[in-house]
């Protein structure tokens, strides 16, 4: 896995096509870490 790439599962719970929750997966030194489900810091074309 590319350590500069984050995989993000986006979940819209109210039907407005905007993510209300995200699960973010990062990769570092042979480990994977998942954060969430949690409200995103940013929505749309950017992700934090």
ModelCIF file with pLDDT and N, C-alpha, C, O atoms, coordinates in Angstrom:
data_MODEL
#
_entry.id   MODEL 
#
_entity.id                         1 
_entity.type                       polymer 
_entity.pdbx_number_of_molecules   1 
#
_entity_poly.entity_id                      1 
_entity_poly.type                           'polypeptide(L)' 
_entity_poly.nstd_linkage                   no 
_entity_poly.nstd_monomer                   no 
_entity_poly.pdbx_seq_one_letter_code       
;(UNK)(UNK)(UNK)(UNK)(UNK)(UNK)(UNK)(UNK)(UNK)(UNK)(UNK)(UNK)(UNK)(UNK)(UNK)(UNK)
(UNK)(UNK)(UNK)(UNK)(UNK)(UNK)(UNK)(UNK)(UNK)(UNK)(UNK)(UNK)(UNK)(UNK)(UNK)(UNK)
(UNK)(UNK)(UNK)(UNK)(UNK)(UNK)(UNK)(UNK)(UNK)(UNK)(UNK)(UNK)(UNK)(UNK)(UNK)(UNK)
;
_entity_poly.pdbx_seq_one_letter_code_can   XXXXXXXXXXXXXXXXXXXXXXXXXXXXXXXXXXXXXXXXXXXXXXXX 
_entity_poly.pdbx_strand_id                 A 
#
loop_
_entity_poly_seq.entity_id 
_entity_poly_seq.num 
_entity_poly_seq.mon_id 
_entity_poly_seq.hetero 
1 1  UNK n 
1 2  UNK n 
1 3  UNK n 
1 4  UNK n 
1 5  UNK n 
1 6  UNK n 
1 7  UNK n 
1 8  UNK n 
1 9  UNK n 
1 10 UNK n 
1 11 UNK n 
1 12 UNK n 
1 13 UNK n 
1 14 UNK n 
1 15 UNK n 
1 16 UNK n 
1 17 UNK n 
1 18 UNK n 
1 19 UNK n 
1 20 UNK n 
1 21 UNK n 
1 22 UNK n 
1 23 UNK n 
1 24 UNK n 
1 25 UNK n 
1 26 UNK n 
1 27 UNK n 
1 28 UNK n 
1 29 UNK n 
1 30 UNK n 
1 31 UNK n 
1 32 UNK n 
1 33 UNK n 
1 34 UNK n 
1 35 UNK n 
1 36 UNK n 
1 37 UNK n 
1 38 UNK n 
1 39 UNK n 
1 40 UNK n 
1 41 UNK n 
1 42 UNK n 
1 43 UNK n 
1 44 UNK n 
1 45 UNK n 
1 46 UNK n 
1 47 UNK n 
1 48 UNK n 
#
_struct_asym.id          A 
_struct_asym.entity_id   1 
#
loop_
_ma_qa_metric.id 
_ma_qa_metric.mode 
_ma_qa_metric.name 
_ma_qa_metric.software_group_id 
_ma_qa_metric.type 
1 global pLDDT . pLDDT 
2 local  pLDDT . pLDDT 
#
_ma_qa_metric_global.metric_id      1 
_ma_qa_metric_global.metric_value   92.02 
_ma_qa_metric_global.model_id       1 
_ma_qa_metric_global.ordinal_id     1 
#
loop_
_ma_qa_metric_local.label_asym_id 
_ma_qa_metric_local.label_comp_id 
_ma_qa_metric_local.label_seq_id 
_ma_qa_metric_local.metric_id 
_ma_qa_metric_local.metric_value 
_ma_qa_metric_local.model_id 
_ma_qa_metric_local.ordinal_id 
A UNK 1  2 94.00 1 1  
A UNK 2  2 92.00 1 2  
A UNK 3  2 93.00 1 3  
A UNK 4  2 92.00 1 4  
A UNK 5  2 92.00 1 5  
A UNK 6  2 93.00 1 6  
A UNK 7  2 95.00 1 7  
A UNK 8  2 95.00 1 8  
A UNK 9  2 96.00 1 9  
A UNK 10 2 95.00 1 10 
A UNK 11 2 94.00 1 11 
A UNK 12 2 93.00 1 12 
A UNK 13 2 92.00 1 13 
A UNK 14 2 91.00 1 14 
A UNK 15 2 89.00 1 15 
A UNK 16 2 91.00 1 16 
A UNK 17 2 88.00 1 17 
A UNK 18 2 91.00 1 18 
A UNK 19 2 94.00 1 19 
A UNK 20 2 95.00 1 20 
A UNK 21 2 95.00 1 21 
A UNK 22 2 96.00 1 22 
A UNK 23 2 96.00 1 23 
A UNK 24 2 96.00 1 24 
A UNK 25 2 96.00 1 25 
A UNK 26 2 95.00 1 26 
A UNK 27 2 96.00 1 27 
A UNK 28 2 96.00 1 28 
A UNK 29 2 96.00 1 29 
A UNK 30 2 96.00 1 30 
A UNK 31 2 97.00 1 31 
A UNK 32 2 98.00 1 32 
A UNK 33 2 97.00 1 33 
A UNK 34 2 97.00 1 34 
A UNK 35 2 96.00 1 35 
A UNK 36 2 91.00 1 36 
A UNK 37 2 96.00 1 37 
A UNK 38 2 94.00 1 38 
A UNK 39 2 94.00 1 39 
A UNK 40 2 93.00 1 40 
A UNK 41 2 89.00 1 41 
A UNK 42 2 84.00 1 42 
A UNK 43 2 85.00 1 43 
A UNK 44 2 79.00 1 44 
A UNK 45 2 74.00 1 45 
A UNK 46 2 74.00 1 46 
A UNK 47 2 82.00 1 47 
A UNK 48 2 84.00 1 48 
#
loop_
_atom_site.group_PDB 
_atom_site.id 
_atom_site.type_symbol 
_atom_site.label_atom_id 
_atom_site.label_alt_id 
_atom_site.label_comp_id 
_atom_site.label_asym_id 
_atom_site.label_entity_id 
_atom_site.label_seq_id 
_atom_site.pdbx_PDB_ins_code 
_atom_site.Cartn_x 
_atom_site.Cartn_y 
_atom_site.Cartn_z 
_atom_site.occupancy 
_atom_site.B_iso_or_equiv 
_atom_site.pdbx_formal_charge 
_atom_site.auth_seq_id 
_atom_site.auth_comp_id 
_atom_site.auth_asym_id 
_atom_site.auth_atom_id 
_atom_site.pdbx_PDB_model_num 
ATOM 1   N N  . UNK A 1 1  ? 0.839   -1.185 0.000  1.00 94.00 ? 1  UNK A N  1 
ATOM 2   C CA . UNK A 1 1  ? 0.000   0.000  0.000  1.00 94.00 ? 1  UNK A CA 1 
ATOM 3   C C  . UNK A 1 1  ? 0.881   1.243  0.000  1.00 94.00 ? 1  UNK A C  1 
ATOM 4   O O  . UNK A 1 1  ? 1.940   1.272  0.627  1.00 94.00 ? 1  UNK A O  1 
ATOM 5   N N  . UNK A 1 2  ? 0.434   2.248  -0.699 1.00 92.00 ? 2  UNK A N  1 
ATOM 6   C CA . UNK A 1 2  ? 1.169   3.515  -0.783 1.00 92.00 ? 2  UNK A CA 1 
ATOM 7   C C  . UNK A 1 2  ? 0.940   4.308  0.504  1.00 92.00 ? 2  UNK A C  1 
ATOM 8   O O  . UNK A 1 2  ? -0.203  4.597  0.857  1.00 92.00 ? 2  UNK A O  1 
ATOM 9   N N  . UNK A 1 3  ? 2.012   4.657  1.201  1.00 93.00 ? 3  UNK A N  1 
ATOM 10  C CA . UNK A 1 3  ? 1.876   5.391  2.457  1.00 93.00 ? 3  UNK A CA 1 
ATOM 11  C C  . UNK A 1 3  ? 1.409   6.822  2.244  1.00 93.00 ? 3  UNK A C  1 
ATOM 12  O O  . UNK A 1 3  ? 1.047   7.503  3.203  1.00 93.00 ? 3  UNK A O  1 
ATOM 13  N N  . UNK A 1 4  ? 1.410   7.287  1.000  1.00 92.00 ? 4  UNK A N  1 
ATOM 14  C CA . UNK A 1 4  ? 0.902   8.626  0.693  1.00 92.00 ? 4  UNK A CA 1 
ATOM 15  C C  . UNK A 1 4  ? -0.550  8.610  0.241  1.00 92.00 ? 4  UNK A C  1 
ATOM 16  O O  . UNK A 1 4  ? -1.089  9.643  -0.158 1.00 92.00 ? 4  UNK A O  1 
ATOM 17  N N  . UNK A 1 5  ? -1.186  7.441  0.300  1.00 92.00 ? 5  UNK A N  1 
ATOM 18  C CA . UNK A 1 5  ? -2.576  7.298  -0.113 1.00 92.00 ? 5  UNK A CA 1 
ATOM 19  C C  . UNK A 1 5  ? -3.427  6.887  1.083  1.00 92.00 ? 5  UNK A C  1 
ATOM 20  O O  . UNK A 1 5  ? -3.092  5.940  1.795  1.00 92.00 ? 5  UNK A O  1 
ATOM 21  N N  . UNK A 1 6  ? -4.521  7.597  1.300  1.00 93.00 ? 6  UNK A N  1 
ATOM 22  C CA . UNK A 1 6  ? -5.491  7.249  2.334  1.00 93.00 ? 6  UNK A CA 1 
ATOM 23  C C  . UNK A 1 6  ? -6.764  6.734  1.660  1.00 93.00 ? 6  UNK A C  1 
ATOM 24  O O  . UNK A 1 6  ? -7.289  7.372  0.748  1.00 93.00 ? 6  UNK A O  1 
ATOM 25  N N  . UNK A 1 7  ? -7.252  5.590  2.109  1.00 95.00 ? 7  UNK A N  1 
ATOM 26  C CA . UNK A 1 7  ? -8.511  5.052  1.626  1.00 95.00 ? 7  UNK A CA 1 
ATOM 27  C C  . UNK A 1 7  ? -9.618  5.524  2.562  1.00 95.00 ? 7  UNK A C  1 
ATOM 28  O O  . UNK A 1 7  ? -9.529  5.354  3.778  1.00 95.00 ? 7  UNK A O  1 
ATOM 29  N N  . UNK A 1 8  ? -10.653 6.115  1.989  1.00 95.00 ? 8  UNK A N  1 
ATOM 30  C CA . UNK A 1 8  ? -11.729 6.685  2.804  1.00 95.00 ? 8  UNK A CA 1 
ATOM 31  C C  . UNK A 1 8  ? -13.077 6.120  2.376  1.00 95.00 ? 8  UNK A C  1 
ATOM 32  O O  . UNK A 1 8  ? -13.488 6.266  1.225  1.00 95.00 ? 8  UNK A O  1 
ATOM 33  N N  . UNK A 1 9  ? -13.761 5.470  3.321  1.00 96.00 ? 9  UNK A N  1 
ATOM 34  C CA . UNK A 1 9  ? -15.132 5.021  3.115  1.00 96.00 ? 9  UNK A CA 1 
ATOM 35  C C  . UNK A 1 9  ? -16.057 6.161  3.553  1.00 96.00 ? 9  UNK A C  1 
ATOM 36  O O  . UNK A 1 9  ? -16.007 6.602  4.702  1.00 96.00 ? 9  UNK A O  1 
ATOM 37  N N  . UNK A 1 10 ? -16.892 6.629  2.638  1.00 95.00 ? 10 UNK A N  1 
ATOM 38  C CA . UNK A 1 10 ? -17.791 7.748  2.901  1.00 95.00 ? 10 UNK A CA 1 
ATOM 39  C C  . UNK A 1 10 ? -19.220 7.248  3.084  1.00 95.00 ? 10 UNK A C  1 
ATOM 40  O O  . UNK A 1 10 ? -19.689 6.396  2.329  1.00 95.00 ? 10 UNK A O  1 
ATOM 41  N N  . UNK A 1 11 ? -19.903 7.782  4.085  1.00 94.00 ? 11 UNK A N  1 
ATOM 42  C CA . UNK A 1 11 ? -21.246 7.309  4.417  1.00 94.00 ? 11 UNK A CA 1 
ATOM 43  C C  . UNK A 1 11 ? -22.171 8.508  4.563  1.00 94.00 ? 11 UNK A C  1 
ATOM 44  O O  . UNK A 1 11 ? -21.969 9.366  5.422  1.00 94.00 ? 11 UNK A O  1 
ATOM 45  N N  . UNK A 1 12 ? -23.190 8.553  3.709  1.00 93.00 ? 12 UNK A N  1 
ATOM 46  C CA . UNK A 1 12 ? -24.225 9.591  3.766  1.00 93.00 ? 12 UNK A CA 1 
ATOM 47  C C  . UNK A 1 12 ? -25.458 8.975  4.415  1.00 93.00 ? 12 UNK A C  1 
ATOM 48  O O  . UNK A 1 12 ? -26.045 8.039  3.872  1.00 93.00 ? 12 UNK A O  1 
ATOM 49  N N  . UNK A 1 13 ? -25.852 9.493  5.570  1.00 92.00 ? 13 UNK A N  1 
ATOM 50  C CA . UNK A 1 13 ? -26.959 8.893  6.324  1.00 92.00 ? 13 UNK A CA 1 
ATOM 51  C C  . UNK A 1 13 ? -28.294 9.605  6.145  1.00 92.00 ? 13 UNK A C  1 
ATOM 52  O O  . UNK A 1 13 ? -29.318 9.111  6.617  1.00 92.00 ? 13 UNK A O  1 
ATOM 53  N N  . UNK A 1 14 ? -28.307 10.770 5.465  1.00 91.00 ? 14 UNK A N  1 
ATOM 54  C CA . UNK A 1 14 ? -29.568 11.515 5.352  1.00 91.00 ? 14 UNK A CA 1 
ATOM 55  C C  . UNK A 1 14 ? -29.987 11.805 3.918  1.00 91.00 ? 14 UNK A C  1 
ATOM 56  O O  . UNK A 1 14 ? -30.926 12.569 3.690  1.00 91.00 ? 14 UNK A O  1 
ATOM 57  N N  . UNK A 1 15 ? -29.301 11.203 2.946  1.00 89.00 ? 15 UNK A N  1 
ATOM 58  C CA . UNK A 1 15 ? -29.739 11.287 1.564  1.00 89.00 ? 15 UNK A CA 1 
ATOM 59  C C  . UNK A 1 15 ? -29.404 12.555 0.829  1.00 89.00 ? 15 UNK A C  1 
ATOM 60  O O  . UNK A 1 15 ? -29.986 12.821 -0.222 1.00 89.00 ? 15 UNK A O  1 
ATOM 61  N N  . UNK A 1 16 ? -28.472 13.364 1.352  1.00 91.00 ? 16 UNK A N  1 
ATOM 62  C CA . UNK A 1 16 ? -28.120 14.608 0.661  1.00 91.00 ? 16 UNK A CA 1 
ATOM 63  C C  . UNK A 1 16 ? -26.860 14.486 -0.181 1.00 91.00 ? 16 UNK A C  1 
ATOM 64  O O  . UNK A 1 16 ? -26.371 15.484 -0.710 1.00 91.00 ? 16 UNK A O  1 
ATOM 65  N N  . UNK A 1 17 ? -26.330 13.272 -0.310 1.00 88.00 ? 17 UNK A N  1 
ATOM 66  C CA . UNK A 1 17 ? -25.137 12.996 -1.129 1.00 88.00 ? 17 UNK A CA 1 
ATOM 67  C C  . UNK A 1 17 ? -23.890 13.693 -0.600 1.00 88.00 ? 17 UNK A C  1 
ATOM 68  O O  . UNK A 1 17 ? -22.951 13.942 -1.356 1.00 88.00 ? 17 UNK A O  1 
ATOM 69  N N  . UNK A 1 18 ? -23.873 14.007 0.688  1.00 91.00 ? 18 UNK A N  1 
ATOM 70  C CA . UNK A 1 18 ? -22.702 14.558 1.360  1.00 91.00 ? 18 UNK A CA 1 
ATOM 71  C C  . UNK A 1 18 ? -22.347 13.631 2.509  1.00 91.00 ? 18 UNK A C  1 
ATOM 72  O O  . UNK A 1 18 ? -23.227 13.219 3.265  1.00 91.00 ? 18 UNK A O  1 
ATOM 73  N N  . UNK A 1 19 ? -21.080 13.299 2.651  1.00 94.00 ? 19 UNK A N  1 
ATOM 74  C CA . UNK A 1 19 ? -20.683 12.345 3.674  1.00 94.00 ? 19 UNK A CA 1 
ATOM 75  C C  . UNK A 1 19 ? -20.928 12.892 5.086  1.00 94.00 ? 19 UNK A C  1 
ATOM 76  O O  . UNK A 1 19 ? -20.455 13.973 5.437  1.00 94.00 ? 19 UNK A O  1 
ATOM 77  N N  . UNK A 1 20 ? -21.670 12.129 5.880  1.00 95.00 ? 20 UNK A N  1 
ATOM 78  C CA . UNK A 1 20 ? -21.903 12.460 7.287  1.00 95.00 ? 20 UNK A CA 1 
ATOM 79  C C  . UNK A 1 20 ? -20.908 11.755 8.197  1.00 95.00 ? 20 UNK A C  1 
ATOM 80  O O  . UNK A 1 20 ? -20.589 12.237 9.284  1.00 95.00 ? 20 UNK A O  1 
ATOM 81  N N  . UNK A 1 21 ? -20.425 10.608 7.736  1.00 95.00 ? 21 UNK A N  1 
ATOM 82  C CA . UNK A 1 21 ? -19.441 9.829  8.472  1.00 95.00 ? 21 UNK A CA 1 
ATOM 83  C C  . UNK A 1 21 ? -18.377 9.334  7.504  1.00 95.00 ? 21 UNK A C  1 
ATOM 84  O O  . UNK A 1 21 ? -18.653 9.119  6.324  1.00 95.00 ? 21 UNK A O  1 
ATOM 85  N N  . UNK A 1 22 ? -17.169 9.158  8.005  1.00 96.00 ? 22 UNK A N  1 
ATOM 86  C CA . UNK A 1 22 ? -16.104 8.570  7.204  1.00 96.00 ? 22 UNK A CA 1 
ATOM 87  C C  . UNK A 1 22 ? -15.360 7.533  8.042  1.00 96.00 ? 22 UNK A C  1 
ATOM 88  O O  . UNK A 1 22 ? -15.292 7.619  9.268  1.00 96.00 ? 22 UNK A O  1 
ATOM 89  N N  . UNK A 1 23 ? -14.810 6.559  7.338  1.00 96.00 ? 23 UNK A N  1 
ATOM 90  C CA . UNK A 1 23 ? -13.839 5.630  7.913  1.00 96.00 ? 23 UNK A CA 1 
ATOM 91  C C  . UNK A 1 23 ? -12.580 5.803  7.080  1.00 96.00 ? 23 UNK A C  1 
ATOM 92  O O  . UNK A 1 23 ? -12.586 5.530  5.879  1.00 96.00 ? 23 UNK A O  1 
ATOM 93  N N  . UNK A 1 24 ? -11.508 6.250  7.703  1.00 96.00 ? 24 UNK A N  1 
ATOM 94  C CA . UNK A 1 24 ? -10.273 6.570  6.991  1.00 96.00 ? 24 UNK A CA 1 
ATOM 95  C C  . UNK A 1 24 ? -9.185  5.557  7.330  1.00 96.00 ? 24 UNK A C  1 
ATOM 96  O O  . UNK A 1 24 ? -8.924  5.288  8.503  1.00 96.00 ? 24 UNK A O  1 
ATOM 97  N N  . UNK A 1 25 ? -8.555  5.001  6.305  1.00 96.00 ? 25 UNK A N  1 
ATOM 98  C CA . UNK A 1 25 ? -7.524  3.984  6.493  1.00 96.00 ? 25 UNK A CA 1 
ATOM 99  C C  . UNK A 1 25 ? -6.186  4.499  5.959  1.00 96.00 ? 25 UNK A C  1 
ATOM 100 O O  . UNK A 1 25 ? -6.082  4.928  4.810  1.00 96.00 ? 25 UNK A O  1 
ATOM 101 N N  . UNK A 1 26 ? -5.170  4.447  6.816  1.00 95.00 ? 26 UNK A N  1 
ATOM 102 C CA . UNK A 1 26 ? -3.829  4.887  6.442  1.00 95.00 ? 26 UNK A CA 1 
ATOM 103 C C  . UNK A 1 26 ? -2.850  3.729  6.598  1.00 95.00 ? 26 UNK A C  1 
ATOM 104 O O  . UNK A 1 26 ? -3.133  2.751  7.289  1.00 95.00 ? 26 UNK A O  1 
ATOM 105 N N  . UNK A 1 27 ? -1.691  3.851  5.945  1.00 96.00 ? 27 UNK A N  1 
ATOM 106 C CA . UNK A 1 27 ? -0.709  2.778  5.888  1.00 96.00 ? 27 UNK A CA 1 
ATOM 107 C C  . UNK A 1 27 ? 0.664   3.341  6.243  1.00 96.00 ? 27 UNK A C  1 
ATOM 108 O O  . UNK A 1 27 ? 1.088   4.362  5.702  1.00 96.00 ? 27 UNK A O  1 
ATOM 109 N N  . UNK A 1 28 ? 1.349   2.662  7.161  1.00 96.00 ? 28 UNK A N  1 
ATOM 110 C CA . UNK A 1 28 ? 2.650   3.151  7.598  1.00 96.00 ? 28 UNK A CA 1 
ATOM 111 C C  . UNK A 1 28 ? 3.456   2.017  8.200  1.00 96.00 ? 28 UNK A C  1 
ATOM 112 O O  . UNK A 1 28 ? 2.978   1.322  9.097  1.00 96.00 ? 28 UNK A O  1 
ATOM 113 N N  . UNK A 1 29 ? 4.688   1.820  7.710  1.00 96.00 ? 29 UNK A N  1 
ATOM 114 C CA . UNK A 1 29 ? 5.622   0.850  8.286  1.00 96.00 ? 29 UNK A CA 1 
ATOM 115 C C  . UNK A 1 29 ? 5.004   -0.541 8.444  1.00 96.00 ? 29 UNK A C  1 
ATOM 116 O O  . UNK A 1 29 ? 5.164   -1.184 9.481  1.00 96.00 ? 29 UNK A O  1 
ATOM 117 N N  . UNK A 1 30 ? 4.306   -0.990 7.419  1.00 96.00 ? 30 UNK A N  1 
ATOM 118 C CA . UNK A 1 30 ? 3.738   -2.335 7.436  1.00 96.00 ? 30 UNK A CA 1 
ATOM 119 C C  . UNK A 1 30 ? 2.486   -2.479 8.265  1.00 96.00 ? 30 UNK A C  1 
ATOM 120 O O  . UNK A 1 30 ? 2.037   -3.598 8.513  1.00 96.00 ? 30 UNK A O  1 
ATOM 121 N N  . UNK A 1 31 ? 1.907   -1.367 8.702  1.00 97.00 ? 31 UNK A N  1 
ATOM 122 C CA . UNK A 1 31 ? 0.685   -1.382 9.510  1.00 97.00 ? 31 UNK A CA 1 
ATOM 123 C C  . UNK A 1 31 ? -0.416  -0.613 8.786  1.00 97.00 ? 31 UNK A C  1 
ATOM 124 O O  . UNK A 1 31 ? -0.148  0.320  8.028  1.00 97.00 ? 31 UNK A O  1 
ATOM 125 N N  . UNK A 1 32 ? -1.655  -1.020 9.034  1.00 98.00 ? 32 UNK A N  1 
ATOM 126 C CA . UNK A 1 32 ? -2.816  -0.277 8.569  1.00 98.00 ? 32 UNK A CA 1 
ATOM 127 C C  . UNK A 1 32 ? -3.587  0.196  9.794  1.00 98.00 ? 32 UNK A C  1 
ATOM 128 O O  . UNK A 1 32 ? -3.728  -0.546 10.766 1.00 98.00 ? 32 UNK A O  1 
ATOM 129 N N  . UNK A 1 33 ? -4.082  1.420  9.751  1.00 97.00 ? 33 UNK A N  1 
ATOM 130 C CA . UNK A 1 33 ? -4.877  1.971  10.841 1.00 97.00 ? 33 UNK A CA 1 
ATOM 131 C C  . UNK A 1 33 ? -6.167  2.542  10.264 1.00 97.00 ? 33 UNK A C  1 
ATOM 132 O O  . UNK A 1 33 ? -6.143  3.252  9.258  1.00 97.00 ? 33 UNK A O  1 
ATOM 133 N N  . UNK A 1 34 ? -7.292  2.231  10.904 1.00 97.00 ? 34 UNK A N  1 
ATOM 134 C CA . UNK A 1 34 ? -8.587  2.769  10.496 1.00 97.00 ? 34 UNK A CA 1 
ATOM 135 C C  . UNK A 1 34 ? -9.115  3.678  11.597 1.00 97.00 ? 34 UNK A C  1 
ATOM 136 O O  . UNK A 1 34 ? -9.100  3.318  12.773 1.00 97.00 ? 34 UNK A O  1 
ATOM 137 N N  . UNK A 1 35 ? -9.578  4.847  11.209 1.00 96.00 ? 35 UNK A N  1 
ATOM 138 C CA . UNK A 1 35 ? -10.185 5.810  12.124 1.00 96.00 ? 35 UNK A CA 1 
ATOM 139 C C  . UNK A 1 35 ? -11.662 5.956  11.771 1.00 96.00 ? 35 UNK A C  1 
ATOM 140 O O  . UNK A 1 35 ? -12.014 6.049  10.596 1.00 96.00 ? 35 UNK A O  1 
ATOM 141 N N  . UNK A 1 36 ? -12.532 5.978  12.794 1.00 91.00 ? 36 UNK A N  1 
ATOM 142 C CA . UNK A 1 36 ? -13.951 6.160  12.567 1.00 91.00 ? 36 UNK A CA 1 
ATOM 143 C C  . UNK A 1 36 ? -14.734 4.878  12.783 1.00 91.00 ? 36 UNK A C  1 
ATOM 144 O O  . UNK A 1 36 ? -14.197 3.874  13.253 1.00 91.00 ? 36 UNK A O  1 
ATOM 145 N N  . UNK A 1 37 ? -16.051 4.929  12.422 1.00 96.00 ? 37 UNK A N  1 
ATOM 146 C CA . UNK A 1 37 ? -16.775 5.992  11.738 1.00 96.00 ? 37 UNK A CA 1 
ATOM 147 C C  . UNK A 1 37 ? -16.853 7.265  12.586 1.00 96.00 ? 37 UNK A C  1 
ATOM 148 O O  . UNK A 1 37 ? -17.124 7.217  13.786 1.00 96.00 ? 37 UNK A O  1 
ATOM 149 N N  . UNK A 1 38 ? -16.608 8.403  11.928 1.00 94.00 ? 38 UNK A N  1 
ATOM 150 C CA . UNK A 1 38 ? -16.600 9.676  12.618 1.00 94.00 ? 38 UNK A CA 1 
ATOM 151 C C  . UNK A 1 38 ? -16.968 10.763 11.617 1.00 94.00 ? 38 UNK A C  1 
ATOM 152 O O  . UNK A 1 38 ? -16.771 10.595 10.413 1.00 94.00 ? 38 UNK A O  1 
ATOM 153 N N  . UNK A 1 39 ? -17.499 11.870 12.109 1.00 94.00 ? 39 UNK A N  1 
ATOM 154 C CA . UNK A 1 39 ? -17.830 12.985 11.226 1.00 94.00 ? 39 UNK A CA 1 
ATOM 155 C C  . UNK A 1 39 ? -16.557 13.517 10.583 1.00 94.00 ? 39 UNK A C  1 
ATOM 156 O O  . UNK A 1 39 ? -15.543 13.660 11.266 1.00 94.00 ? 39 UNK A O  1 
ATOM 157 N N  . UNK A 1 40 ? -16.584 13.812 9.294  1.00 93.00 ? 40 UNK A N  1 
ATOM 158 C CA . UNK A 1 40 ? -15.376 14.297 8.609  1.00 93.00 ? 40 UNK A CA 1 
ATOM 159 C C  . UNK A 1 40 ? -15.050 15.736 8.985  1.00 93.00 ? 40 UNK A C  1 
ATOM 160 O O  . UNK A 1 40 ? -15.929 16.521 9.339  1.00 93.00 ? 40 UNK A O  1 
ATOM 161 N N  . UNK A 1 41 ? -13.768 16.057 8.898  1.00 89.00 ? 41 UNK A N  1 
ATOM 162 C CA . UNK A 1 41 ? -13.344 17.441 9.086  1.00 89.00 ? 41 UNK A CA 1 
ATOM 163 C C  . UNK A 1 41 ? -13.702 18.266 7.861  1.00 89.00 ? 41 UNK A C  1 
ATOM 164 O O  . UNK A 1 41 ? -14.106 19.423 7.982  1.00 89.00 ? 41 UNK A O  1 
ATOM 165 N N  . UNK A 1 42 ? -13.553 17.673 6.683  1.00 84.00 ? 42 UNK A N  1 
ATOM 166 C CA . UNK A 1 42 ? -13.877 18.345 5.424  1.00 84.00 ? 42 UNK A CA 1 
ATOM 167 C C  . UNK A 1 42 ? -14.678 17.393 4.551  1.00 84.00 ? 42 UNK A C  1 
ATOM 168 O O  . UNK A 1 42 ? -14.497 16.177 4.628  1.00 84.00 ? 42 UNK A O  1 
ATOM 169 N N  . UNK A 1 43 ? -15.567 17.939 3.718  1.00 85.00 ? 43 UNK A N  1 
ATOM 170 C CA . UNK A 1 43 ? -16.360 17.137 2.796  1.00 85.00 ? 43 UNK A CA 1 
ATOM 171 C C  . UNK A 1 43 ? -16.077 17.584 1.374  1.00 85.00 ? 43 UNK A C  1 
ATOM 172 O O  . UNK A 1 43 ? -15.411 18.593 1.138  1.00 85.00 ? 43 UNK A O  1 
ATOM 173 N N  . UNK A 1 44 ? -16.602 16.805 0.427  1.00 79.00 ? 44 UNK A N  1 
ATOM 174 C CA . UNK A 1 44 ? -16.449 17.190 -0.973 1.00 79.00 ? 44 UNK A CA 1 
ATOM 175 C C  . UNK A 1 44 ? -15.139 16.721 -1.565 1.00 79.00 ? 44 UNK A C  1 
ATOM 176 O O  . UNK A 1 44 ? -14.750 15.567 -1.387 1.00 79.00 ? 44 UNK A O  1 
ATOM 177 N N  . UNK A 1 45 ? -14.449 17.616 -2.274 1.00 74.00 ? 45 UNK A N  1 
ATOM 178 C CA . UNK A 1 45 ? -13.271 17.215 -3.047 1.00 74.00 ? 45 UNK A CA 1 
ATOM 179 C C  . UNK A 1 45 ? -11.989 17.144 -2.228 1.00 74.00 ? 45 UNK A C  1 
ATOM 180 O O  . UNK A 1 45 ? -10.962 16.693 -2.734 1.00 74.00 ? 45 UNK A O  1 
ATOM 181 N N  . UNK A 1 46 ? -12.029 17.576 -0.982 1.00 74.00 ? 46 UNK A N  1 
ATOM 182 C CA . UNK A 1 46 ? -10.858 17.502 -0.121 1.00 74.00 ? 46 UNK A CA 1 
ATOM 183 C C  . UNK A 1 46 ? -11.140 16.624 1.077  1.00 74.00 ? 46 UNK A C  1 
ATOM 184 O O  . UNK A 1 46 ? -12.295 16.428 1.454  1.00 74.00 ? 46 UNK A O  1 
ATOM 185 N N  . UNK A 1 47 ? -10.084 16.094 1.679  1.00 82.00 ? 47 UNK A N  1 
ATOM 186 C CA . UNK A 1 47 ? -10.243 15.225 2.827  1.00 82.00 ? 47 UNK A CA 1 
ATOM 187 C C  . UNK A 1 47 ? -9.097  15.459 3.788  1.00 82.00 ? 47 UNK A C  1 
ATOM 188 O O  . UNK A 1 47 ? -7.946  15.586 3.372  1.00 82.00 ? 47 UNK A O  1 
ATOM 189 N N  . UNK A 1 48 ? -9.411  15.516 5.078  1.00 84.00 ? 48 UNK A N  1 
ATOM 190 C CA . UNK A 1 48 ? -8.413  15.720 6.122  1.00 84.00 ? 48 UNK A CA 1 
ATOM 191 C C  . UNK A 1 48 ? -8.459  14.554 7.086  1.00 84.00 ? 48 UNK A C  1 
ATOM 192 O O  . UNK A 1 48 ? -7.695  14.520 8.050  1.00 84.00 ? 48 UNK A O  1 
#
